[in-house]
């Protein structure tokens, strides 16, 4: 199941889930529409991850706050750390590989790296 995010539920949903993958899209974007079935198909195979969509035409506040300048953009967060944030439609194989790599990451190591940057 894919969750629609809005300014009303965005923060709550992102903080309530350890692993979130977001598709930023707009209805008039051809690549967004062609990526949508890929996003849905991959989401079915990873029910433990929150897959969500943000319609940037309707949710401009979110897009502006997160500096989303191009759609589609896929963002992957684990423990509220952005691990991946890239515009452009992905093939199913590439998207699956990115999700697998995000799953495999040692988040303790990632958190340490984030702390070292601060």
Protein backbone atom coordinates (compact mmCIF):
# COMPACT_ATOMS: atom_id res chain seq x y z
CA UNK A 1 0.00 0.00 0.00
CA UNK A 2 1.23 3.47 -0.85
CA UNK A 3 0.48 6.39 1.46
CA UNK A 4 -0.31 9.85 0.15
CA UNK A 5 1.58 12.49 2.10
CA UNK A 6 0.44 16.06 2.63
CA UNK A 7 1.57 18.95 4.77
CA UNK A 8 -0.88 17.67 7.40
CA UNK A 9 0.63 14.19 7.78
CA UNK A 10 4.15 14.41 6.33
CA UNK A 11 6.15 14.96 9.52
CA UNK A 12 4.10 12.49 11.55
CA UNK A 13 4.44 9.72 8.96
CA UNK A 14 8.16 10.24 8.40
CA UNK A 15 8.95 10.28 12.11
CA UNK A 16 6.64 7.34 12.91
CA UNK A 17 8.41 4.99 10.48
CA UNK A 18 12.06 3.91 10.53
CA UNK A 19 12.21 3.34 6.77
CA UNK A 20 10.42 5.57 4.27
CA UNK A 21 10.64 5.81 0.49
CA UNK A 22 8.95 8.83 -1.08
CA UNK A 23 8.09 9.49 -4.71
CA UNK A 24 7.71 13.23 -5.40
CA UNK A 25 5.62 13.59 -8.54
CA UNK A 26 3.06 15.67 -10.39
CA UNK A 27 0.13 14.54 -12.58
CA UNK A 28 1.34 16.39 -15.70
CA UNK A 29 4.77 14.78 -15.69
CA UNK A 30 5.19 11.96 -18.24
CA UNK A 31 8.21 10.39 -16.51
CA UNK A 32 6.32 10.54 -13.20
CA UNK A 33 3.41 8.64 -14.69
CA UNK A 34 5.69 6.03 -16.25
CA UNK A 35 7.57 5.56 -12.95
CA UNK A 36 4.37 5.16 -10.88
CA UNK A 37 3.78 1.46 -11.77
CA UNK A 38 7.45 0.69 -10.99
CA UNK A 39 7.12 2.39 -7.59
CA UNK A 40 3.90 0.46 -6.86
CA UNK A 41 5.34 -2.89 -7.95
CA UNK A 42 8.48 -2.52 -5.81
CA UNK A 43 6.38 -1.30 -2.86
CA UNK A 44 4.41 -4.58 -2.95
CA UNK A 45 7.62 -6.55 -2.41
CA UNK A 46 8.73 -4.57 0.66
CA UNK A 47 5.68 -4.32 2.96
CA UNK A 48 7.90 -3.51 5.95
CA UNK A 49 8.86 -0.17 4.35
CA UNK A 50 6.55 2.84 4.16
CA UNK A 51 6.22 3.77 0.50
CA UNK A 52 4.65 7.19 0.06
CA UNK A 53 3.90 9.74 -2.63
CA UNK A 54 3.84 13.53 -2.57
CA UNK A 55 1.97 15.32 -5.35
CA UNK A 56 4.19 18.40 -5.60
CA UNK A 57 1.57 20.30 -7.59
CA UNK A 58 -0.77 20.10 -4.60
CA UNK A 59 1.85 20.04 -1.82
CA UNK A 60 4.08 22.93 -2.85
CA UNK A 61 5.06 23.64 0.77
CA UNK A 62 6.70 20.23 1.11
CA UNK A 63 8.45 20.53 -2.25
CA UNK A 64 9.77 23.97 -1.38
CA UNK A 65 10.89 23.00 2.12
CA UNK A 66 12.76 19.94 0.84
CA UNK A 67 14.11 21.74 -2.24
CA UNK A 68 12.47 19.34 -4.69
CA UNK A 69 13.15 21.02 -8.02
CA UNK A 70 12.57 18.18 -10.44
CA UNK A 71 10.05 15.38 -10.66
CA UNK A 72 9.98 12.53 -10.31
CA UNK A 73 12.35 12.53 -7.36
CA UNK A 74 12.86 9.51 -5.12
CA UNK A 75 13.93 10.04 -1.52
CA UNK A 76 14.89 7.24 0.85
CA UNK A 77 15.03 7.87 4.60
CA UNK A 78 16.05 5.54 7.38
CA UNK A 79 15.91 6.70 10.97
CA UNK A 80 15.10 10.15 9.54
CA UNK A 81 18.43 10.29 7.69
CA UNK A 82 18.20 10.93 3.94
CA UNK A 83 20.15 8.13 2.29
CA UNK A 84 19.08 8.78 -1.29
CA UNK A 85 17.56 11.82 -2.98
CA UNK A 86 17.67 11.78 -6.76
CA UNK A 87 15.50 13.16 -9.54
CA UNK A 88 14.63 11.09 -12.57
CA UNK A 89 12.55 8.02 -13.30
CA UNK A 90 14.28 4.77 -12.39
CA UNK A 91 13.97 1.39 -14.03
CA UNK A 92 12.56 -1.37 -11.88
CA UNK A 93 15.93 -3.15 -11.67
CA UNK A 94 17.79 0.00 -10.61
CA UNK A 95 15.10 0.98 -8.11
CA UNK A 96 15.12 -2.50 -6.55
CA UNK A 97 18.91 -2.41 -6.24
CA UNK A 98 18.80 1.01 -4.55
CA UNK A 99 16.19 -0.27 -2.08
CA UNK A 100 18.26 -3.40 -1.36
CA UNK A 101 21.39 -1.32 -0.73
CA UNK A 102 19.43 0.96 1.62
CA UNK A 103 18.21 -2.11 3.52
CA UNK A 104 21.75 -3.48 3.83
CA UNK A 105 23.22 -0.28 5.30
CA UNK A 106 24.45 -0.41 8.88
CA UNK A 107 22.50 2.49 10.35
CA UNK A 108 24.72 2.65 13.44
CA UNK A 109 27.62 3.38 11.11
CA UNK A 110 25.56 5.90 9.15
CA UNK A 111 24.50 7.68 12.36
CA UNK A 112 28.14 7.83 13.46
CA UNK A 113 29.14 9.35 10.11
CA UNK A 114 26.35 11.92 10.43
CA UNK A 115 27.56 12.83 13.92
CA UNK A 116 31.15 13.14 12.68
CA UNK A 117 30.01 15.67 10.07
CA UNK A 118 28.30 17.82 12.69
